[in-house]
C-alpha cells in the first residue's frame, strides 16, 4: 500500500500543480474522480495494460468518460496529456490513489480538514455541529465531518484527522482498562 502511495504521489502533485496554475482545482477534482471510477470498472479493467489496445484509444476512451461537457480545450489537452503520461508509464491503475492524494492536496490548499468520526450511533445534527465547531477551534481549519457508524464501539466515538486521533469509545476504554489490569 505504501508503495502504491509513493508511486502515485508525483502524479498527484503534477495534476495539482497543473490544476492550481489554471485555477481549476474543482474541475480536475471531478475529472480525477471520474477517471478513477472508470479504471476500477470491471469491464474496463481488462483493457488497461492489454497490448492489443493502443494507448491512444484507451486514453481517448478514458478522457471521454472522465471529462465534463464544460471542459475548455486547453484543459482537455492537459487532461489528455496527463492520461497519456500515465498510460505510457503503465500507471493508469494508480488513478484511484492519485485521486485520493489530489484531494488531500486540495483540502490542504483550501485549509479544510477532512475528519472521520466513527460513533456507536448516528450523530444528531446538533452533535455534529458542536463537534465541528470544537474541531475547527482545535485544528484552526474549516472542518468537513465524515461520520460513520460502528455499533461495535458500544458507546462514544473515535475522531481521526491524520495523526490526530481521539478514542472516546467505550470499547477503547474497556481495552485500555484491560491492558492496565493485565500489566499490574
N, C-alpha and C. Protein backbone atom coordinates (compact mmCIF):
# COMPACT_ATOMS: atom_id res chain seq x y z
N UNK A 1 0.83 -1.19 0.00
CA UNK A 1 0.00 0.00 0.00
C UNK A 1 0.87 1.25 0.00
N UNK A 2 1.93 1.24 0.81
CA UNK A 2 2.82 2.41 0.87
C UNK A 2 3.51 2.61 -0.47
N UNK A 3 3.84 1.51 -1.15
CA UNK A 3 4.49 1.61 -2.45
C UNK A 3 3.55 2.27 -3.46
N UNK A 4 2.29 1.90 -3.40
CA UNK A 4 1.28 2.49 -4.28
C UNK A 4 1.20 4.00 -4.05
N UNK A 5 1.16 4.41 -2.80
CA UNK A 5 1.08 5.83 -2.46
C UNK A 5 2.33 6.57 -2.92
N UNK A 6 3.47 5.95 -2.73
CA UNK A 6 4.74 6.58 -3.13
C UNK A 6 4.81 6.75 -4.64
N UNK A 7 4.36 5.75 -5.38
CA UNK A 7 4.39 5.82 -6.84
C UNK A 7 3.38 6.85 -7.36
N UNK A 8 2.24 6.96 -6.70
CA UNK A 8 1.19 7.88 -7.15
C UNK A 8 1.48 9.33 -6.81
N UNK A 9 2.26 9.57 -5.77
CA UNK A 9 2.48 10.93 -5.26
C UNK A 9 2.96 11.94 -6.32
N UNK A 10 3.98 11.64 -7.12
CA UNK A 10 4.43 12.64 -8.10
C UNK A 10 3.36 12.97 -9.15
N UNK A 11 2.56 11.98 -9.49
CA UNK A 11 1.49 12.23 -10.47
C UNK A 11 0.40 13.11 -9.86
N UNK A 12 0.07 12.86 -8.60
CA UNK A 12 -0.93 13.68 -7.92
C UNK A 12 -0.44 15.12 -7.80
N UNK A 13 0.83 15.27 -7.47
CA UNK A 13 1.40 16.63 -7.35
C UNK A 13 1.41 17.34 -8.70
N UNK A 14 1.74 16.60 -9.76
CA UNK A 14 1.76 17.20 -11.10
C UNK A 14 0.35 17.65 -11.50
N UNK A 15 -0.64 16.80 -11.26
CA UNK A 15 -2.02 17.17 -11.58
C UNK A 15 -2.45 18.37 -10.76
N UNK A 16 -2.06 18.39 -9.48
CA UNK A 16 -2.42 19.50 -8.61
C UNK A 16 -1.77 20.80 -9.08
N UNK A 17 -0.51 20.73 -9.47
CA UNK A 17 0.19 21.92 -9.95
C UNK A 17 -0.46 22.45 -11.22
N UNK A 18 -0.82 21.55 -12.12
CA UNK A 18 -1.47 21.95 -13.37
C UNK A 18 -2.83 22.59 -13.09
N UNK A 19 -3.61 21.94 -12.24
CA UNK A 19 -4.94 22.45 -11.91
C UNK A 19 -4.86 23.78 -11.16
N UNK A 20 -3.92 23.88 -10.24
CA UNK A 20 -3.77 25.10 -9.45
C UNK A 20 -3.34 26.28 -10.29
N UNK A 21 -2.43 26.05 -11.22
CA UNK A 21 -1.94 27.16 -12.05
C UNK A 21 -3.04 27.68 -12.98
N UNK A 22 -4.00 26.83 -13.28
CA UNK A 22 -5.11 27.25 -14.15
C UNK A 22 -6.36 27.58 -13.34
N UNK A 23 -6.24 27.60 -12.01
CA UNK A 23 -7.38 27.84 -11.11
C UNK A 23 -8.55 26.91 -11.43
N UNK A 24 -8.22 25.62 -11.59
CA UNK A 24 -9.25 24.64 -11.94
C UNK A 24 -9.22 23.43 -11.01
N UNK A 25 -9.03 23.67 -9.73
CA UNK A 25 -8.96 22.57 -8.78
C UNK A 25 -10.26 21.75 -8.77
N UNK A 26 -11.39 22.41 -8.76
CA UNK A 26 -12.67 21.69 -8.72
C UNK A 26 -12.88 20.85 -9.98
N UNK A 27 -12.52 21.41 -11.14
CA UNK A 27 -12.69 20.67 -12.39
C UNK A 27 -11.79 19.45 -12.44
N UNK A 28 -10.52 19.62 -12.01
CA UNK A 28 -9.60 18.49 -12.01
C UNK A 28 -10.02 17.46 -10.96
N UNK A 29 -10.55 17.92 -9.86
CA UNK A 29 -11.03 17.02 -8.82
C UNK A 29 -12.12 16.11 -9.39
N UNK A 30 -13.07 16.70 -10.08
CA UNK A 30 -14.16 15.93 -10.68
C UNK A 30 -13.62 14.99 -11.78
N UNK A 31 -12.70 15.49 -12.58
CA UNK A 31 -12.10 14.68 -13.65
C UNK A 31 -11.39 13.46 -13.07
N UNK A 32 -10.57 13.67 -12.07
CA UNK A 32 -9.83 12.56 -11.48
C UNK A 32 -10.75 11.55 -10.80
N UNK A 33 -11.80 12.04 -10.17
CA UNK A 33 -12.76 11.13 -9.53
C UNK A 33 -13.44 10.25 -10.57
N UNK A 34 -13.84 10.85 -11.69
CA UNK A 34 -14.50 10.06 -12.75
C UNK A 34 -13.50 9.09 -13.41
N UNK A 35 -12.27 9.53 -13.62
CA UNK A 35 -11.25 8.67 -14.23
C UNK A 35 -10.92 7.51 -13.29
N UNK A 36 -10.82 7.79 -11.99
CA UNK A 36 -10.54 6.75 -11.00
C UNK A 36 -11.66 5.71 -10.98
N UNK A 37 -12.90 6.18 -11.04
CA UNK A 37 -14.03 5.26 -11.06
C UNK A 37 -14.01 4.41 -12.34
N UNK A 38 -13.66 5.03 -13.44
CA UNK A 38 -13.64 4.32 -14.72
C UNK A 38 -12.61 3.19 -14.73
N UNK A 39 -11.42 3.45 -14.22
CA UNK A 39 -10.38 2.40 -14.26
C UNK A 39 -10.66 1.27 -13.28
N UNK A 40 -11.60 1.47 -12.38
CA UNK A 40 -11.99 0.40 -11.46
C UNK A 40 -13.17 -0.40 -11.98
N UNK A 41 -13.74 0.03 -13.09
CA UNK A 41 -14.88 -0.67 -13.68
C UNK A 41 -14.43 -2.04 -14.17
N UNK A 42 -15.13 -3.11 -13.79
CA UNK A 42 -14.73 -4.45 -14.18
C UNK A 42 -14.67 -4.67 -15.70
N UNK A 43 -15.45 -3.89 -16.46
CA UNK A 43 -15.43 -4.04 -17.92
C UNK A 43 -14.22 -3.34 -18.54
N UNK A 44 -13.74 -2.29 -17.91
CA UNK A 44 -12.61 -1.54 -18.45
C UNK A 44 -11.27 -2.10 -17.96
N UNK A 45 -11.27 -2.69 -16.80
CA UNK A 45 -10.04 -3.19 -16.18
C UNK A 45 -9.21 -4.10 -17.10
N UNK A 46 -9.82 -5.03 -17.83
CA UNK A 46 -9.00 -5.90 -18.70
C UNK A 46 -8.34 -5.16 -19.88
N UNK A 47 -8.84 -3.99 -20.22
CA UNK A 47 -8.27 -3.23 -21.34
C UNK A 47 -6.98 -2.50 -20.94
N UNK A 48 -6.87 -2.19 -19.64
CA UNK A 48 -5.71 -1.44 -19.15
C UNK A 48 -4.49 -2.36 -19.15
N UNK A 49 -3.48 -1.96 -19.88
CA UNK A 49 -2.27 -2.75 -19.97
C UNK A 49 -2.32 -3.86 -21.01
N UNK A 50 -3.47 -3.99 -21.69
CA UNK A 50 -3.60 -5.00 -22.73
C UNK A 50 -2.82 -4.54 -23.96
N UNK A 51 -1.84 -5.32 -24.41
CA UNK A 51 -1.02 -4.88 -25.54
C UNK A 51 -1.79 -4.74 -26.85
N UNK A 52 -2.97 -5.33 -26.93
CA UNK A 52 -3.79 -5.24 -28.16
C UNK A 52 -4.60 -3.95 -28.23
N UNK A 53 -4.66 -3.24 -27.10
CA UNK A 53 -5.42 -1.99 -27.05
C UNK A 53 -4.42 -0.84 -27.12
N UNK A 54 -4.43 -0.08 -28.23
CA UNK A 54 -3.50 1.05 -28.34
C UNK A 54 -3.74 2.08 -27.23
N UNK A 55 -2.65 2.57 -26.67
CA UNK A 55 -2.74 3.54 -25.56
C UNK A 55 -3.56 4.75 -25.95
N UNK A 56 -3.43 5.19 -27.20
CA UNK A 56 -4.17 6.38 -27.65
C UNK A 56 -5.68 6.14 -27.58
N UNK A 57 -6.11 4.96 -28.00
CA UNK A 57 -7.54 4.66 -27.95
C UNK A 57 -8.03 4.58 -26.51
N UNK A 58 -7.23 3.96 -25.66
CA UNK A 58 -7.60 3.84 -24.26
C UNK A 58 -7.68 5.21 -23.60
N UNK A 59 -6.71 6.05 -23.87
CA UNK A 59 -6.70 7.41 -23.32
C UNK A 59 -7.90 8.20 -23.82
N UNK A 60 -8.20 8.13 -25.10
CA UNK A 60 -9.35 8.85 -25.65
C UNK A 60 -10.65 8.37 -25.02
N UNK A 61 -10.76 7.06 -24.82
CA UNK A 61 -11.95 6.49 -24.20
C UNK A 61 -12.08 6.96 -22.76
N UNK A 62 -10.99 6.90 -22.01
CA UNK A 62 -11.00 7.37 -20.63
C UNK A 62 -11.32 8.85 -20.54
N UNK A 63 -10.75 9.61 -21.44
CA UNK A 63 -10.99 11.06 -21.46
C UNK A 63 -12.46 11.35 -21.72
N UNK A 64 -13.06 10.59 -22.62
CA UNK A 64 -14.48 10.75 -22.92
C UNK A 64 -15.33 10.44 -21.68
N UNK A 65 -14.95 9.40 -20.96
CA UNK A 65 -15.69 9.03 -19.75
C UNK A 65 -15.51 10.03 -18.62
N UNK A 66 -14.31 10.58 -18.50
CA UNK A 66 -13.96 11.39 -17.34
C UNK A 66 -14.16 12.90 -17.51
N UNK A 67 -14.23 13.37 -18.74
CA UNK A 67 -14.37 14.81 -18.97
C UNK A 67 -15.82 15.24 -18.87
N UNK A 68 -16.00 16.47 -18.43
CA UNK A 68 -17.35 17.02 -18.41
C UNK A 68 -17.55 17.83 -19.69
N UNK A 69 -18.77 18.08 -20.04
CA UNK A 69 -19.06 18.83 -21.25
C UNK A 69 -18.64 20.29 -21.16
N UNK A 70 -18.34 20.77 -19.95
CA UNK A 70 -17.99 22.17 -19.74
C UNK A 70 -16.49 22.41 -19.77
N UNK A 71 -15.72 21.40 -20.13
CA UNK A 71 -14.27 21.50 -20.08
C UNK A 71 -13.74 22.31 -21.26
N UNK A 72 -12.84 23.24 -20.98
CA UNK A 72 -12.24 24.06 -22.03
C UNK A 72 -11.22 23.24 -22.81
N UNK A 73 -10.93 23.67 -24.02
CA UNK A 73 -9.99 22.94 -24.88
C UNK A 73 -8.59 22.83 -24.27
N UNK A 74 -8.03 23.91 -23.69
CA UNK A 74 -6.71 23.76 -23.05
C UNK A 74 -6.74 22.76 -21.89
N UNK A 75 -7.83 22.77 -21.14
CA UNK A 75 -7.95 21.84 -20.02
C UNK A 75 -8.03 20.40 -20.53
N UNK A 76 -8.78 20.16 -21.59
CA UNK A 76 -8.88 18.82 -22.18
C UNK A 76 -7.50 18.37 -22.65
N UNK A 77 -6.74 19.27 -23.22
CA UNK A 77 -5.39 18.94 -23.70
C UNK A 77 -4.50 18.54 -22.52
N UNK A 78 -4.59 19.27 -21.42
CA UNK A 78 -3.80 18.93 -20.23
C UNK A 78 -4.21 17.56 -19.68
N UNK A 79 -5.52 17.33 -19.62
CA UNK A 79 -6.02 16.06 -19.10
C UNK A 79 -5.61 14.90 -20.02
N UNK A 80 -5.68 15.11 -21.31
CA UNK A 80 -5.25 14.08 -22.27
C UNK A 80 -3.76 13.78 -22.07
N UNK A 81 -2.95 14.83 -21.96
CA UNK A 81 -1.51 14.63 -21.74
C UNK A 81 -1.24 13.88 -20.44
N UNK A 82 -2.01 14.21 -19.42
CA UNK A 82 -1.85 13.54 -18.13
C UNK A 82 -2.18 12.06 -18.26
N UNK A 83 -3.28 11.75 -18.91
CA UNK A 83 -3.65 10.33 -19.09
C UNK A 83 -2.64 9.61 -19.97
N UNK A 84 -2.11 10.28 -21.00
CA UNK A 84 -1.07 9.67 -21.84
C UNK A 84 0.18 9.37 -21.02
N UNK A 85 0.55 10.30 -20.15
CA UNK A 85 1.71 10.08 -19.29
C UNK A 85 1.51 8.84 -18.43
N UNK A 86 0.33 8.72 -17.85
CA UNK A 86 0.02 7.55 -17.04
C UNK A 86 0.03 6.27 -17.88
N UNK A 87 -0.58 6.32 -19.05
CA UNK A 87 -0.64 5.15 -19.93
C UNK A 87 0.77 4.74 -20.39
N UNK A 88 1.56 5.71 -20.80
CA UNK A 88 2.92 5.41 -21.27
C UNK A 88 3.79 4.79 -20.18
N UNK A 89 3.53 5.17 -18.94
CA UNK A 89 4.30 4.64 -17.82
C UNK A 89 3.60 3.47 -17.12
N UNK A 90 2.54 2.98 -17.75
CA UNK A 90 1.76 1.85 -17.21
C UNK A 90 1.28 2.15 -15.78
N UNK A 91 0.70 3.32 -15.62
CA UNK A 91 0.26 3.76 -14.30
C UNK A 91 -1.22 4.12 -14.24
N UNK A 92 -2.01 3.75 -15.24
CA UNK A 92 -3.43 4.10 -15.22
C UNK A 92 -4.15 3.50 -14.02
N UNK A 93 -3.71 2.35 -13.57
CA UNK A 93 -4.36 1.71 -12.42
C UNK A 93 -4.13 2.49 -11.12
N UNK A 94 -3.21 3.45 -11.15
CA UNK A 94 -2.95 4.29 -9.98
C UNK A 94 -3.96 5.42 -9.82
N UNK A 95 -4.84 5.60 -10.79
CA UNK A 95 -5.76 6.75 -10.75
C UNK A 95 -6.55 6.86 -9.45
N UNK A 96 -7.05 5.78 -8.84
CA UNK A 96 -7.75 5.95 -7.56
C UNK A 96 -6.85 6.54 -6.47
N UNK A 97 -5.60 6.10 -6.40
CA UNK A 97 -4.67 6.64 -5.41
C UNK A 97 -4.27 8.07 -5.75
N UNK A 98 -4.09 8.35 -7.04
CA UNK A 98 -3.77 9.72 -7.47
C UNK A 98 -4.90 10.65 -7.08
N UNK A 99 -6.13 10.20 -7.32
CA UNK A 99 -7.31 10.99 -6.97
C UNK A 99 -7.34 11.27 -5.47
N UNK A 100 -7.09 10.25 -4.66
CA UNK A 100 -7.12 10.42 -3.20
C UNK A 100 -6.05 11.42 -2.74
N UNK A 101 -4.86 11.32 -3.30
CA UNK A 101 -3.79 12.24 -2.91
C UNK A 101 -4.05 13.66 -3.42
N UNK A 102 -4.65 13.77 -4.59
CA UNK A 102 -5.02 15.09 -5.13
C UNK A 102 -6.00 15.76 -4.16
N UNK A 103 -6.96 15.00 -3.66
CA UNK A 103 -7.97 15.55 -2.74
C UNK A 103 -7.33 16.02 -1.44
N UNK A 104 -6.31 15.31 -0.97
CA UNK A 104 -5.60 15.74 0.24
C UNK A 104 -4.89 17.07 -0.03
N UNK A 105 -4.23 17.16 -1.17
CA UNK A 105 -3.54 18.41 -1.54
C UNK A 105 -4.54 19.56 -1.68
N UNK A 106 -5.67 19.28 -2.27
CA UNK A 106 -6.69 20.31 -2.46
C UNK A 106 -7.23 20.77 -1.10
N UNK A 107 -7.52 19.84 -0.22
CA UNK A 107 -8.03 20.19 1.11
C UNK A 107 -7.02 21.05 1.86
N UNK A 108 -5.73 20.69 1.76
CA UNK A 108 -4.70 21.49 2.42
C UNK A 108 -4.65 22.90 1.86
N UNK A 109 -4.73 23.03 0.54
CA UNK A 109 -4.65 24.36 -0.07
C UNK A 109 -5.87 25.21 0.27
N UNK A 110 -7.01 24.55 0.46
CA UNK A 110 -8.24 25.27 0.79
C UNK A 110 -8.44 25.37 2.30
N UNK A 111 -7.44 24.88 3.06
CA UNK A 111 -7.46 24.89 4.52
C UNK A 111 -8.71 24.21 5.08
N UNK A 112 -8.94 22.99 4.58
CA UNK A 112 -10.07 22.19 5.03
C UNK A 112 -9.53 20.89 5.63
N UNK A 113 -10.05 20.53 6.78
CA UNK A 113 -9.67 19.26 7.42
C UNK A 113 -10.81 18.27 7.22
N UNK A 114 -10.51 17.16 6.59
CA UNK A 114 -11.48 16.08 6.44
C UNK A 114 -11.32 15.16 7.65
N UNK A 115 -12.31 15.17 8.52
CA UNK A 115 -12.23 14.45 9.79
C UNK A 115 -13.22 13.29 9.79
N UNK A 116 -12.69 12.09 10.09
CA UNK A 116 -13.54 10.91 10.23
C UNK A 116 -14.04 10.84 11.66
N UNK A 117 -15.34 10.63 11.80
CA UNK A 117 -15.95 10.47 13.12
C UNK A 117 -16.70 9.14 13.10
N UNK A 118 -16.18 8.20 13.87
CA UNK A 118 -16.80 6.87 13.93
C UNK A 118 -17.48 6.79 15.28
N UNK A 119 -18.80 6.64 15.26
CA UNK A 119 -19.55 6.63 16.52
C UNK A 119 -20.41 5.37 16.60
N UNK A 120 -20.82 5.05 17.82
CA UNK A 120 -21.64 3.87 18.05
C UNK A 120 -23.05 4.08 17.48
N UNK A 121 -23.49 5.32 17.49
CA UNK A 121 -24.81 5.67 16.92
C UNK A 121 -24.65 6.86 16.00
N UNK A 122 -25.60 7.04 15.14
CA UNK A 122 -25.56 8.18 14.21
C UNK A 122 -25.60 9.48 15.00
N UNK A 123 -24.74 10.43 14.61
CA UNK A 123 -24.71 11.74 15.26
C UNK A 123 -25.94 12.54 14.87
N UNK A 124 -26.49 13.26 15.83
CA UNK A 124 -27.59 14.17 15.51
C UNK A 124 -26.98 15.40 14.83
N UNK A 125 -27.80 16.19 14.20
CA UNK A 125 -27.32 17.41 13.54
C UNK A 125 -26.68 18.34 14.56
N UNK A 126 -27.26 18.42 15.75
CA UNK A 126 -26.72 19.28 16.80
C UNK A 126 -25.36 18.78 17.29
N UNK A 127 -25.23 17.48 17.49
CA UNK A 127 -23.95 16.90 17.92
C UNK A 127 -22.87 17.14 16.87
N UNK A 128 -23.22 16.94 15.62
CA UNK A 128 -22.25 17.13 14.53
C UNK A 128 -21.81 18.59 14.48
N UNK A 129 -22.75 19.50 14.65
CA UNK A 129 -22.43 20.93 14.60
C UNK A 129 -21.50 21.32 15.75
N UNK A 130 -21.78 20.83 16.96
CA UNK A 130 -20.93 21.13 18.12
C UNK A 130 -19.53 20.54 17.95
N UNK A 131 -19.47 19.30 17.48
CA UNK A 131 -18.17 18.64 17.28
C UNK A 131 -17.37 19.39 16.22
N UNK A 132 -18.03 19.79 15.16
CA UNK A 132 -17.37 20.53 14.09
C UNK A 132 -16.80 21.84 14.62
N UNK A 133 -17.56 22.55 15.43
CA UNK A 133 -17.09 23.83 16.00
C UNK A 133 -15.88 23.62 16.90
N UNK A 134 -15.91 22.59 17.74
CA UNK A 134 -14.78 22.29 18.64
C UNK A 134 -13.54 21.95 17.82
N UNK A 135 -13.71 21.11 16.81
CA UNK A 135 -12.57 20.71 15.97
C UNK A 135 -12.00 21.87 15.17
N UNK A 136 -12.85 22.76 14.70
CA UNK A 136 -12.37 23.93 13.95
C UNK A 136 -11.51 24.82 14.84
N UNK A 137 -11.93 24.99 16.10
CA UNK A 137 -11.12 25.78 17.04
C UNK A 137 -9.79 25.07 17.33
N UNK A 138 -9.85 23.78 17.54
CA UNK A 138 -8.66 22.99 17.90
C UNK A 138 -7.66 22.92 16.75
N UNK A 139 -8.16 22.68 15.52
CA UNK A 139 -7.27 22.49 14.37
C UNK A 139 -6.93 23.79 13.64
N UNK A 140 -7.75 24.81 13.83
CA UNK A 140 -7.52 26.07 13.13
C UNK A 140 -7.82 25.98 11.65
N UNK A 141 -8.68 25.04 11.29
CA UNK A 141 -9.06 24.83 9.89
C UNK A 141 -10.58 24.67 9.79
N UNK A 142 -11.10 24.88 8.60
CA UNK A 142 -12.50 24.54 8.36
C UNK A 142 -12.58 23.02 8.41
N UNK A 143 -13.62 22.48 9.01
CA UNK A 143 -13.72 21.03 9.18
C UNK A 143 -14.90 20.48 8.38
N UNK A 144 -14.60 19.40 7.68
CA UNK A 144 -15.62 18.64 6.95
C UNK A 144 -15.70 17.28 7.64
N UNK A 145 -16.84 17.01 8.30
CA UNK A 145 -17.00 15.75 9.02
C UNK A 145 -17.42 14.64 8.07
N UNK A 146 -16.85 13.46 8.31
CA UNK A 146 -17.23 12.25 7.57
C UNK A 146 -17.69 11.22 8.59
N UNK A 147 -18.98 11.29 8.97
CA UNK A 147 -19.47 10.40 10.02
C UNK A 147 -19.67 8.96 9.52
N UNK A 148 -19.37 8.03 10.41
CA UNK A 148 -19.59 6.61 10.16
C UNK A 148 -20.15 6.01 11.44
N UNK A 149 -20.89 4.93 11.30
CA UNK A 149 -21.44 4.25 12.48
C UNK A 149 -20.79 2.88 12.59
N UNK A 150 -20.33 2.56 13.80
CA UNK A 150 -19.76 1.25 14.11
C UNK A 150 -20.33 0.84 15.46
N UNK A 151 -21.36 0.00 15.44
CA UNK A 151 -22.05 -0.39 16.67
C UNK A 151 -21.15 -1.16 17.63
N UNK A 152 -20.04 -1.71 17.12
CA UNK A 152 -19.14 -2.46 17.99
C UNK A 152 -18.40 -1.54 18.98
N UNK A 153 -18.49 -0.23 18.79
CA UNK A 153 -17.87 0.71 19.74
C UNK A 153 -18.63 0.76 21.05
N UNK A 154 -19.83 0.26 21.07
CA UNK A 154 -20.73 0.20 22.22
C UNK A 154 -21.27 1.58 22.57
N UNK A 155 -20.41 2.55 22.71
CA UNK A 155 -20.80 3.92 23.03
C UNK A 155 -19.65 4.85 22.71
N UNK A 156 -19.90 6.16 22.67
CA UNK A 156 -18.85 7.13 22.39
C UNK A 156 -18.48 7.19 20.92
N UNK A 157 -17.25 7.71 20.67
CA UNK A 157 -16.83 7.90 19.28
C UNK A 157 -15.31 7.94 19.18
N UNK A 158 -14.84 7.75 17.96
CA UNK A 158 -13.43 7.90 17.62
C UNK A 158 -13.35 9.01 16.58
N UNK A 159 -12.47 9.99 16.82
CA UNK A 159 -12.29 11.12 15.90
C UNK A 159 -10.89 11.01 15.31
N UNK A 160 -10.79 11.06 13.97
CA UNK A 160 -9.49 10.93 13.30
C UNK A 160 -9.30 12.02 12.26
N UNK A 161 -8.16 12.69 12.38
CA UNK A 161 -7.68 13.62 11.34
C UNK A 161 -6.18 13.42 11.25
N UNK A 162 -5.74 12.81 10.19
CA UNK A 162 -4.32 12.48 10.01
C UNK A 162 -3.80 11.72 11.22
N UNK A 163 -2.78 12.26 11.91
CA UNK A 163 -2.20 11.60 13.08
C UNK A 163 -2.94 11.94 14.37
N UNK A 164 -3.88 12.86 14.31
CA UNK A 164 -4.66 13.29 15.47
C UNK A 164 -5.82 12.29 15.65
N UNK A 165 -5.78 11.51 16.74
CA UNK A 165 -6.82 10.52 17.00
C UNK A 165 -7.27 10.66 18.44
N UNK A 166 -8.57 10.75 18.63
CA UNK A 166 -9.15 10.75 19.96
C UNK A 166 -10.10 9.56 20.03
N UNK A 167 -9.76 8.60 20.89
CA UNK A 167 -10.62 7.42 21.04
C UNK A 167 -11.42 7.59 22.32
N UNK A 168 -12.63 8.06 22.17
CA UNK A 168 -13.54 8.24 23.29
C UNK A 168 -14.61 7.17 23.29
N UNK A 169 -14.32 6.04 22.64
CA UNK A 169 -15.31 4.97 22.57
C UNK A 169 -15.29 4.14 23.85
N UNK A 170 -16.40 3.55 24.17
CA UNK A 170 -16.50 2.68 25.33
C UNK A 170 -15.63 1.44 25.12
N UNK A 171 -15.62 0.92 23.89
CA UNK A 171 -14.77 -0.24 23.59
C UNK A 171 -13.29 0.10 23.84
N UNK A 172 -12.86 1.29 23.43
CA UNK A 172 -11.49 1.72 23.64
C UNK A 172 -11.15 1.82 25.12
N UNK A 173 -12.08 2.35 25.89
CA UNK A 173 -11.86 2.48 27.34
C UNK A 173 -11.73 1.10 27.99
N UNK A 174 -12.59 0.17 27.57
CA UNK A 174 -12.54 -1.19 28.12
C UNK A 174 -11.20 -1.84 27.77
N UNK A 175 -10.75 -1.67 26.52
CA UNK A 175 -9.47 -2.24 26.09
C UNK A 175 -8.32 -1.64 26.89
N UNK A 176 -8.33 -0.33 27.12
CA UNK A 176 -7.26 0.30 27.90
C UNK A 176 -7.28 -0.17 29.35
N UNK A 177 -8.49 -0.33 29.93
CA UNK A 177 -8.62 -0.83 31.30
C UNK A 177 -8.07 -2.24 31.37
N UNK A 178 -8.41 -3.08 30.40
CA UNK A 178 -7.92 -4.46 30.37
C UNK A 178 -6.40 -4.51 30.27
N UNK A 179 -5.84 -3.66 29.45
CA UNK A 179 -4.38 -3.61 29.30
C UNK A 179 -3.72 -3.14 30.59
N UNK A 180 -4.33 -2.17 31.26
CA UNK A 180 -3.78 -1.67 32.53
C UNK A 180 -3.84 -2.75 33.61
N UNK A 181 -4.92 -3.51 33.63
CA UNK A 181 -5.09 -4.55 34.66
C UNK A 181 -4.13 -5.71 34.42
N UNK A 182 -3.91 -6.06 33.17
CA UNK A 182 -3.01 -7.18 32.88
C UNK A 182 -1.55 -6.80 33.11
N UNK A 183 -1.27 -5.51 33.04
CA UNK A 183 0.11 -5.03 33.27
C UNK A 183 0.39 -4.80 34.73
N UNK A 184 -0.64 -4.84 35.59
CA UNK A 184 -0.46 -4.52 37.02
C UNK A 184 0.07 -5.68 37.80
